[in-house]
């Protein structure tokens, strides 16, 4: 009878141990999932930052083109003034 009781106690202990192990495994899985989610979020953030950087570079290029156009316009104006001066000198 005592042996049977001991055996039953041992079985209960083993079942409890299995349950604890399962819970631990579940917790570990949850932690892993959380880590994966965090990594995904980080990747998304990096992509957003890269997109912003690209936008900034495009803006810079646009400003440079605008400056170049302004310079060209100024050069054209200067050329026109020189032609006008030359015309006045000839007359």
PDB file of N, CA and C in Angstrom:
ATOM      1  N   UNK A   1       0.819  -1.190   0.000  1.00  0.00           N
ATOM      2  CA  UNK A   1       0.000   0.000   0.000  1.00  0.00           C
ATOM      3  C   UNK A   1       0.865   1.257   0.000  1.00  0.00           C
ATOM      4  N   UNK A   2       1.870   1.256   0.821  1.00  0.00           N
ATOM      5  CA  UNK A   2       2.792   2.386   0.898  1.00  0.00           C
ATOM      6  C   UNK A   2       3.532   2.561  -0.414  1.00  0.00           C
ATOM      7  N   UNK A   3       3.910   1.469  -1.017  1.00  0.00           N
ATOM      8  CA  UNK A   3       4.606   1.488  -2.291  1.00  0.00           C
ATOM      9  C   UNK A   3       3.720   2.086  -3.383  1.00  0.00           C
ATOM     10  N   UNK A   4       2.476   1.719  -3.364  1.00  0.00           N
ATOM     11  CA  UNK A   4       1.512   2.237  -4.327  1.00  0.00           C
ATOM     12  C   UNK A   4       1.339   3.752  -4.160  1.00  0.00           C
ATOM     13  N   UNK A   5       1.269   4.188  -2.922  1.00  0.00           N
ATOM     14  CA  UNK A   5       1.153   5.607  -2.617  1.00  0.00           C
ATOM     15  C   UNK A   5       2.382   6.371  -3.099  1.00  0.00           C
ATOM     16  N   UNK A   6       3.525   5.811  -2.856  1.00  0.00           N
ATOM     17  CA  UNK A   6       4.775   6.416  -3.315  1.00  0.00           C
ATOM     18  C   UNK A   6       4.827   6.494  -4.823  1.00  0.00           C
ATOM     19  N   UNK A   7       4.407   5.455  -5.473  1.00  0.00           N
ATOM     20  CA  UNK A   7       4.378   5.417  -6.929  1.00  0.00           C
ATOM     21  C   UNK A   7       3.428   6.478  -7.486  1.00  0.00           C
ATOM     22  N   UNK A   8       2.288   6.610  -6.845  1.00  0.00           N
ATOM     23  CA  UNK A   8       1.316   7.620  -7.243  1.00  0.00           C
ATOM     24  C   UNK A   8       1.881   9.024  -7.065  1.00  0.00           C
ATOM     25  N   UNK A   9       2.553   9.252  -5.978  1.00  0.00           N
ATOM     26  CA  UNK A   9       3.188  10.534  -5.705  1.00  0.00           C
ATOM     27  C   UNK A   9       4.249  10.846  -6.750  1.00  0.00           C
ATOM     28  N   UNK A  10       5.025   9.854  -7.105  1.00  0.00           N
ATOM     29  CA  UNK A  10       6.064  10.005  -8.115  1.00  0.00           C
ATOM     30  C   UNK A  10       5.449  10.343  -9.472  1.00  0.00           C
ATOM     31  N   UNK A  11       4.389   9.690  -9.794  1.00  0.00           N
ATOM     32  CA  UNK A  11       3.689   9.941 -11.051  1.00  0.00           C
ATOM     33  C   UNK A  11       3.146  11.374 -11.088  1.00  0.00           C
ATOM     34  N   UNK A  12       2.592  11.795 -10.003  1.00  0.00           N
ATOM     35  CA  UNK A  12       2.076  13.154  -9.906  1.00  0.00           C
ATOM     36  C   UNK A  12       3.205  14.160 -10.050  1.00  0.00           C
ATOM     37  N   UNK A  13       4.314  13.890  -9.440  1.00  0.00           N
ATOM     38  CA  UNK A  13       5.484  14.758  -9.520  1.00  0.00           C
ATOM     39  C   UNK A  13       5.980  14.845 -10.960  1.00  0.00           C
ATOM     40  N   UNK A  14       6.027  13.721 -11.634  1.00  0.00           N
ATOM     41  CA  UNK A  14       6.462  13.691 -13.035  1.00  0.00           C
ATOM     42  C   UNK A  14       5.498  14.481 -13.917  1.00  0.00           C
ATOM     43  N   UNK A  15       4.228  14.337 -13.669  1.00  0.00           N
ATOM     44  CA  UNK A  15       3.235  15.099 -14.434  1.00  0.00           C
ATOM     45  C   UNK A  15       3.369  16.601 -14.194  1.00  0.00           C
ATOM     46  N   UNK A  16       3.612  16.950 -12.961  1.00  0.00           N
ATOM     47  CA  UNK A  16       3.819  18.352 -12.620  1.00  0.00           C
ATOM     48  C   UNK A  16       5.057  18.897 -13.301  1.00  0.00           C
ATOM     49  N   UNK A  17       6.104  18.104 -13.298  1.00  0.00           N
ATOM     50  CA  UNK A  17       7.352  18.480 -13.948  1.00  0.00           C
ATOM     51  C   UNK A  17       7.128  18.691 -15.449  1.00  0.00           C
ATOM     52  N   UNK A  18       6.366  17.798 -16.044  1.00  0.00           N
ATOM     53  CA  UNK A  18       6.061  17.926 -17.477  1.00  0.00           C
ATOM     54  C   UNK A  18       5.272  19.200 -17.753  1.00  0.00           C
ATOM     55  N   UNK A  19       4.344  19.489 -16.904  1.00  0.00           N
ATOM     56  CA  UNK A  19       3.546  20.694 -17.052  1.00  0.00           C
ATOM     57  C   UNK A  19       4.424  21.944 -16.940  1.00  0.00           C
ATOM     58  N   UNK A  20       5.308  21.938 -15.978  1.00  0.00           N
ATOM     59  CA  UNK A  20       6.227  23.062 -15.814  1.00  0.00           C
ATOM     60  C   UNK A  20       7.128  23.232 -17.027  1.00  0.00           C
ATOM     61  N   UNK A  21       7.613  22.132 -17.533  1.00  0.00           N
ATOM     62  CA  UNK A  21       8.462  22.165 -18.721  1.00  0.00           C
ATOM     63  C   UNK A  21       7.692  22.721 -19.914  1.00  0.00           C
ATOM     64  N   UNK A  22       6.467  22.304 -20.068  1.00  0.00           N
ATOM     65  CA  UNK A  22       5.615  22.795 -21.145  1.00  0.00           C
ATOM     66  C   UNK A  22       5.381  24.305 -21.002  1.00  0.00           C
ATOM     67  N   UNK A  23       5.124  24.736 -19.806  1.00  0.00           N
ATOM     68  CA  UNK A  23       4.938  26.170 -19.551  1.00  0.00           C
ATOM     69  C   UNK A  23       6.187  26.967 -19.879  1.00  0.00           C
ATOM     70  N   UNK A  24       7.324  26.426 -19.505  1.00  0.00           N
ATOM     71  CA  UNK A  24       8.596  27.063 -19.796  1.00  0.00           C
ATOM     72  C   UNK A  24       8.807  27.163 -21.299  1.00  0.00           C
ATOM     73  N   UNK A  25       8.503  26.114 -22.000  1.00  0.00           N
ATOM     74  CA  UNK A  25       8.630  26.087 -23.449  1.00  0.00           C
ATOM     75  C   UNK A  25       7.705  27.125 -24.086  1.00  0.00           C
ATOM     76  N   UNK A  26       6.510  27.212 -23.598  1.00  0.00           N
ATOM     77  CA  UNK A  26       5.549  28.188 -24.090  1.00  0.00           C
ATOM     78  C   UNK A  26       6.051  29.615 -23.859  1.00  0.00           C
ATOM     79  N   UNK A  27       6.593  29.846 -22.694  1.00  0.00           N
ATOM     80  CA  UNK A  27       7.155  31.150 -22.365  1.00  0.00           C
ATOM     81  C   UNK A  27       8.309  31.495 -23.298  1.00  0.00           C
ATOM     82  N   UNK A  28       9.146  30.525 -23.548  1.00  0.00           N
ATOM     83  CA  UNK A  28      10.279  30.716 -24.449  1.00  0.00           C
ATOM     84  C   UNK A  28       9.796  31.042 -25.857  1.00  0.00           C
ATOM     85  N   UNK A  29       8.788  30.352 -26.297  1.00  0.00           N
ATOM     86  CA  UNK A  29       8.207  30.590 -27.610  1.00  0.00           C
ATOM     87  C   UNK A  29       7.628  32.001 -27.694  1.00  0.00           C
ATOM     88  N   UNK A  30       6.960  32.406 -26.662  1.00  0.00           N
ATOM     89  CA  UNK A  30       6.393  33.748 -26.597  1.00  0.00           C
ATOM     90  C   UNK A  30       7.499  34.804 -26.653  1.00  0.00           C
ATOM     91  N   UNK A  31       8.553  34.570 -25.938  1.00  0.00           N
ATOM     92  CA  UNK A  31       9.692  35.474 -25.936  1.00  0.00           C
ATOM     93  C   UNK A  31      10.308  35.565 -27.322  1.00  0.00           C
ATOM     94  N   UNK A  32      10.441  34.451 -27.974  1.00  0.00           N
ATOM     95  CA  UNK A  32      10.987  34.403 -29.324  1.00  0.00           C
ATOM     96  C   UNK A  32      10.099  35.183 -30.290  1.00  0.00           C
ATOM     97  N   UNK A  33       8.813  35.022 -30.162  1.00  0.00           N
ATOM     98  CA  UNK A  33       7.859  35.738 -30.992  1.00  0.00           C
ATOM     99  C   UNK A  33       7.969  37.246 -30.763  1.00  0.00           C
ATOM    100  N   UNK A  34       8.100  37.624 -29.532  1.00  0.00           N
ATOM    101  CA  UNK A  34       8.259  39.033 -29.181  1.00  0.00           C
ATOM    102  C   UNK A  34       9.541  39.596 -29.793  1.00  0.00           C
ATOM    103  N   UNK A  35      10.606  38.843 -29.725  1.00  0.00           N
ATOM    104  CA  UNK A  35      11.879  39.250 -30.300  1.00  0.00           C
ATOM    105  C   UNK A  35      11.759  39.413 -31.809  1.00  0.00           C
ATOM    106  N   UNK A  36      11.080  38.499 -32.434  1.00  0.00           N
ATOM    107  CA  UNK A  36      10.866  38.556 -33.884  1.00  0.00           C
ATOM    108  C   UNK A  36      10.062  39.805 -34.254  1.00  0.00           C
ATOM    109  N   UNK A  37       9.047  40.082 -33.478  1.00  0.00           N
ATOM    110  CA  UNK A  37       8.228  41.273 -33.702  1.00  0.00           C
ATOM    111  C   UNK A  37       9.064  42.541 -33.556  1.00  0.00           C
ATOM    112  N   UNK A  38       9.909  42.567 -32.558  1.00  0.00           N
ATOM    113  CA  UNK A  38      10.786  43.698 -32.332  1.00  0.00           C
ATOM    114  C   UNK A  38      11.738  43.884 -33.502  1.00  0.00           C
ATOM    115  N   UNK A  39      12.269  42.792 -33.999  1.00  0.00           N
ATOM    116  CA  UNK A  39      13.173  42.835 -35.141  1.00  0.00           C
ATOM    117  C   UNK A  39      12.453  43.369 -36.374  1.00  0.00           C
ATOM    118  N   UNK A  40      11.251  42.928 -36.577  1.00  0.00           N
ATOM    119  CA  UNK A  40      10.450  43.407 -37.703  1.00  0.00           C
ATOM    120  C   UNK A  40      10.187  44.901 -37.601  1.00  0.00           C
ATOM    121  N   UNK A  41       9.877  45.340 -36.411  1.00  0.00           N
ATOM    122  CA  UNK A  41       9.653  46.754 -36.165  1.00  0.00           C
ATOM    123  C   UNK A  41      10.914  47.565 -36.457  1.00  0.00           C
ATOM    124  N   UNK A  42      12.043  47.042 -36.041  1.00  0.00           N
ATOM    125  CA  UNK A  42      13.322  47.695 -36.285  1.00  0.00           C
ATOM    126  C   UNK A  42      13.589  47.799 -37.781  1.00  0.00           C
ATOM    127  N   UNK A  43      13.326  46.735 -38.510  1.00  0.00           N
ATOM    128  CA  UNK A  43      13.514  46.746 -39.954  1.00  0.00           C
ATOM    129  C   UNK A  43      12.606  47.771 -40.628  1.00  0.00           C
ATOM    130  N   UNK A  44      11.389  47.857 -40.155  1.00  0.00           N
ATOM    131  CA  UNK A  44      10.456  48.842 -40.680  1.00  0.00           C
ATOM    132  C   UNK A  44      10.962  50.260 -40.428  1.00  0.00           C
ATOM    133  N   UNK A  45      11.476  50.483 -39.242  1.00  0.00           N
ATOM    134  CA  UNK A  45      12.019  51.784 -38.886  1.00  0.00           C
ATOM    135  C   UNK A  45      13.200  52.134 -39.782  1.00  0.00           C
ATOM    136  N   UNK A  46      14.072  51.159 -40.022  1.00  0.00           N
ATOM    137  CA  UNK A  46      15.225  51.372 -40.891  1.00  0.00           C
ATOM    138  C   UNK A  46      14.769  51.717 -42.309  1.00  0.00           C
ATOM    139  N   UNK A  47      13.765  51.013 -42.785  1.00  0.00           N
ATOM    140  CA  UNK A  47      13.243  51.304 -44.130  1.00  0.00           C
ATOM    141  C   UNK A  47      12.652  52.705 -44.207  1.00  0.00           C
ATOM    142  N   UNK A  48      11.946  53.112 -43.184  1.00  0.00           N
ATOM    143  CA  UNK A  48      11.378  54.462 -43.154  1.00  0.00           C
ATOM    144  C   UNK A  48      12.489  55.503 -43.160  1.00  0.00           C
ATOM    145  N   UNK A  49      13.523  55.265 -42.374  1.00  0.00           N
ATOM    146  CA  UNK A  49      14.655  56.197 -42.341  1.00  0.00           C
ATOM    147  C   UNK A  49      15.356  56.274 -43.698  1.00  0.00           C
ATOM    148  N   UNK A  50      15.514  55.128 -44.337  1.00  0.00           N
ATOM    149  CA  UNK A  50      16.131  55.120 -45.662  1.00  0.00           C
ATOM    150  C   UNK A  50      15.283  55.867 -46.682  1.00  0.00           C
ATOM    151  N   UNK A  51      13.993  55.694 -46.579  1.00  0.00           N
ATOM    152  CA  UNK A  51      13.074  56.407 -47.464  1.00  0.00           C
ATOM    153  C   UNK A  51      13.185  57.918 -47.245  1.00  0.00           C
ATOM    154  N   UNK A  52      13.260  58.332 -46.001  1.00  0.00           N
ATOM    155  CA  UNK A  52      13.423  59.755 -45.688  1.00  0.00           C
ATOM    156  C   UNK A  52      14.738  60.296 -46.227  1.00  0.00           C
ATOM    157  N   UNK A  53      15.777  59.492 -46.111  1.00  0.00           N
ATOM    158  CA  UNK A  53      17.078  59.889 -46.632  1.00  0.00           C
ATOM    159  C   UNK A  53      17.025  60.050 -48.146  1.00  0.00           C
ATOM    160  N   UNK A  54      16.354  59.133 -48.802  1.00  0.00           N
ATOM    161  CA  UNK A  54      16.191  59.210 -50.247  1.00  0.00           C
ATOM    162  C   UNK A  54      15.416  60.462 -50.634  1.00  0.00           C
ATOM    163  N   UNK A  55      14.378  60.754 -49.893  1.00  0.00           N
ATOM    164  CA  UNK A  55      13.597  61.951 -50.129  1.00  0.00           C
ATOM    165  C   UNK A  55      14.449  63.212 -49.970  1.00  0.00           C
ATOM    166  N   UNK A  56      15.272  63.215 -48.959  1.00  0.00           N
ATOM    167  CA  UNK A  56      16.165  64.338 -48.710  1.00  0.00           C
ATOM    168  C   UNK A  56      17.149  64.503 -49.860  1.00  0.00           C
ATOM    169  N   UNK A  57      17.692  63.395 -50.346  1.00  0.00           N
ATOM    170  CA  UNK A  57      18.624  63.456 -51.467  1.00  0.00           C
ATOM    171  C   UNK A  57      17.938  63.968 -52.729  1.00  0.00           C
ATOM    172  N   UNK A  58      16.721  63.539 -52.949  1.00  0.00           N
ATOM    173  CA  UNK A  58      15.968  64.033 -54.109  1.00  0.00           C
ATOM    174  C   UNK A  58      15.703  65.530 -54.000  1.00  0.00           C
ATOM    175  N   UNK A  59      15.386  65.964 -52.819  1.00  0.00           N
ATOM    176  CA  UNK A  59      15.172  67.388 -52.584  1.00  0.00           C
ATOM    177  C   UNK A  59      16.449  68.180 -52.856  1.00  0.00           C
ATOM    178  N   UNK A  60      17.556  67.643 -52.415  1.00  0.00           N
ATOM    179  CA  UNK A  60      18.845  68.282 -52.637  1.00  0.00           C
ATOM    180  C   UNK A  60      19.150  68.372 -54.129  1.00  0.00           C
ATOM    181  N   UNK A  61      18.857  67.315 -54.846  1.00  0.00           N
ATOM    182  CA  UNK A  61      19.068  67.295 -56.289  1.00  0.00           C
ATOM    183  C   UNK A  61      18.185  68.333 -56.975  1.00  0.00           C
ATOM    184  N   UNK A  62      16.957  68.428 -56.541  1.00  0.00           N
ATOM    185  CA  UNK A  62      16.034  69.410 -57.089  1.00  0.00           C
ATOM    186  C   UNK A  62      16.541  70.832 -56.845  1.00  0.00           C
ATOM    187  N   UNK A  63      17.026  71.087 -55.662  1.00  0.00           N
ATOM    188  CA  UNK A  63      17.571  72.415 -55.347  1.00  0.00           C
ATOM    189  C   UNK A  63      18.794  72.722 -56.194  1.00  0.00           C
ATOM    190  N   UNK A  64      19.615  71.725 -56.399  1.00  0.00           N
ATOM    191  CA  UNK A  64      20.793  71.898 -57.236  1.00  0.00           C
ATOM    192  C   UNK A  64      20.396  72.222 -58.672  1.00  0.00           C
ATOM    193  N   UNK A  65      19.406  71.526 -59.176  1.00  0.00           N
ATOM    194  CA  UNK A  65      18.908  71.794 -60.529  1.00  0.00           C
ATOM    195  C   UNK A  65      18.328  73.203 -60.639  1.00  0.00           C
ATOM    196  N   UNK A  66      17.622  73.598 -59.628  1.00  0.00           N
ATOM    197  CA  UNK A  66      17.065  74.948 -59.592  1.00  0.00           C
ATOM    198  C   UNK A  66      18.177  76.004 -59.609  1.00  0.00           C
ATOM    199  N   UNK A  67      19.198  75.759 -58.830  1.00  0.00           N
ATOM    200  CA  UNK A  67      20.343  76.657 -58.788  1.00  0.00           C
ATOM    201  C   UNK A  67      21.033  76.727 -60.144  1.00  0.00           C
ATOM    202  N   UNK A  68      21.183  75.593 -60.777  1.00  0.00           N
ATOM    203  CA  UNK A  68      21.792  75.529 -62.096  1.00  0.00           C
ATOM    204  C   UNK A  68      20.954  76.305 -63.106  1.00  0.00           C
ATOM    205  N   UNK A  69      19.664  76.149 -63.041  1.00  0.00           N
ATOM    206  CA  UNK A  69      18.760  76.872 -63.926  1.00  0.00           C
ATOM    207  C   UNK A  69      18.876  78.375 -63.700  1.00  0.00           C
ATOM    208  N   UNK A  70      18.946  78.769 -62.451  1.00  0.00           N
ATOM    209  CA  UNK A  70      19.110  80.176 -62.112  1.00  0.00           C
ATOM    210  C   UNK A  70      20.419  80.723 -62.667  1.00  0.00           C
ATOM    211  N   UNK A  71      21.457  79.950 -62.545  1.00  0.00           N
ATOM    212  CA  UNK A  71      22.764  80.333 -63.064  1.00  0.00           C
ATOM    213  C   UNK A  71      22.709  80.479 -64.584  1.00  0.00           C
ATOM    214  N   UNK A  72      22.065  79.563 -65.227  1.00  0.00           N
ATOM    215  CA  UNK A  72      21.912  79.611 -66.679  1.00  0.00           C
ATOM    216  C   UNK A  72      21.124  80.852 -67.097  1.00  0.00           C
ATOM    217  N   UNK A  73      20.097  81.146 -66.385  1.00  0.00           N
ATOM    218  CA  UNK A  73      19.290  82.328 -66.646  1.00  0.00           C
ATOM    219  C   UNK A  73      20.124  83.600 -66.481  1.00  0.00           C
ATOM    220  N   UNK A  74      20.910  83.614 -65.439  1.00  0.00           N
ATOM    221  CA  UNK A  74      21.783  84.755 -65.191  1.00  0.00           C
ATOM    222  C   UNK A  74      22.795  84.911 -66.321  1.00  0.00           C
ATOM    223  N   UNK A  75      23.342  83.827 -66.765  1.00  0.00           N
ATOM    224  CA  UNK A  75      24.288  83.835 -67.866  1.00  0.00           C
ATOM    225  C   UNK A  75      23.635  84.347 -69.145  1.00  0.00           C
ATOM    226  N   UNK A  76      22.440  83.919 -69.401  1.00  0.00           N
ATOM    227  CA  UNK A  76      21.678  84.366 -70.555  1.00  0.00           C
ATOM    228  C   UNK A  76      21.417  85.873 -70.482  1.00  0.00           C
ATOM    229  N   UNK A  77      21.062  86.326 -69.321  1.00  0.00           N
ATOM    230  CA  UNK A  77      20.827  87.752 -69.100  1.00  0.00           C
ATOM    231  C   UNK A  77      22.101  88.553 -69.345  1.00  0.00           C
ATOM    232  N   UNK A  78      23.189  88.033 -68.852  1.00  0.00           N
ATOM    233  CA  UNK A  78      24.479  88.682 -69.051  1.00  0.00           C
ATOM    234  C   UNK A  78      24.820  88.743 -70.528  1.00  0.00           C
ATOM    235  N   UNK A  79      24.591  87.680 -71.233  1.00  0.00           N
ATOM    236  CA  UNK A  79      24.841  87.625 -72.663  1.00  0.00           C
ATOM    237  C   UNK A  79      23.962  88.636 -73.397  1.00  0.00           C
ATOM    238  N   UNK A  80      22.736  88.718 -73.018  1.00  0.00           N
ATOM    239  CA  UNK A  80      21.811  89.679 -73.612  1.00  0.00           C
ATOM    240  C   UNK A  80      22.285  91.106 -73.370  1.00  0.00           C
ATOM    241  N   UNK A  81      22.737  91.369 -72.171  1.00  0.00           N
ATOM    242  CA  UNK A  81      23.268  92.704 -71.853  1.00  0.00           C
ATOM    243  C   UNK A  81      24.499  93.027 -72.674  1.00  0.00           C
ATOM    244  N   UNK A  82      25.351  92.047 -72.850  1.00  0.00           N
ATOM    245  CA  UNK A  82      26.546  92.255 -73.670  1.00  0.00           C
ATOM    246  C   UNK A  82      26.176  92.535 -75.119  1.00  0.00           C
ATOM    247  N   UNK A  83      25.212  91.820 -75.624  1.00  0.00           N
ATOM    248  CA  UNK A  83      24.755  92.056 -76.995  1.00  0.00           C
ATOM    249  C   UNK A  83      24.157  93.453 -77.146  1.00  0.00           C
ATOM    250  N   UNK A  84      23.400  93.846 -76.153  1.00  0.00           N
ATOM    251  CA  UNK A  84      22.807  95.176 -76.158  1.00  0.00           C
ATOM    252  C   UNK A  84      23.891  96.250 -76.129  1.00  0.00           C
ATOM    253  N   UNK A  85      24.894  96.054 -75.316  1.00  0.00           N
ATOM    254  CA  UNK A  85      26.023  96.981 -75.222  1.00  0.00           C
ATOM    255  C   UNK A  85      26.759  97.053 -76.547  1.00  0.00           C
ATOM    256  N   UNK A  86      26.962  95.910 -77.159  1.00  0.00           N
ATOM    257  CA  UNK A  86      27.638  95.855 -78.447  1.00  0.00           C
ATOM    258  C   UNK A  86      26.822  96.583 -79.508  1.00  0.00           C
ATOM    259  N   UNK A  87      25.553  96.412 -79.481  1.00  0.00           N
ATOM    260  CA  UNK A  87      24.655  97.079 -80.415  1.00  0.00           C
ATOM    261  C   UNK A  87      24.691  98.596 -80.221  1.00  0.00           C
ATOM    262  N   UNK A  88      24.741  99.025 -78.981  1.00  0.00           N
ATOM    263  CA  UNK A  88      24.819 100.457 -78.680  1.00  0.00           C
ATOM    264  C   UNK A  88      26.146 101.049 -79.123  1.00  0.00           C
ATOM    265  N   UNK A  89      27.183 100.272 -79.027  1.00  0.00           N
ATOM    266  CA  UNK A  89      28.503 100.750 -79.458  1.00  0.00           C
ATOM    267  C   UNK A  89      28.594 100.856 -80.975  1.00  0.00           C
ATOM    268  N   UNK A  90      27.916 100.004 -81.656  1.00  0.00           N
ATOM    269  CA  UNK A  90      27.931 100.029 -83.105  1.00  0.00           C
ATOM    270  C   UNK A  90      27.109 101.193 -83.664  1.00  0.00           C
ATOM    271  N   UNK A  91      26.108 101.572 -82.944  1.00  0.00           N
ATOM    272  CA  UNK A  91      25.271 102.672 -83.419  1.00  0.00           C
ATOM    273  C   UNK A  91      25.844 103.979 -83.108  1.00  0.00           C
TER     274      UNK A  91
END
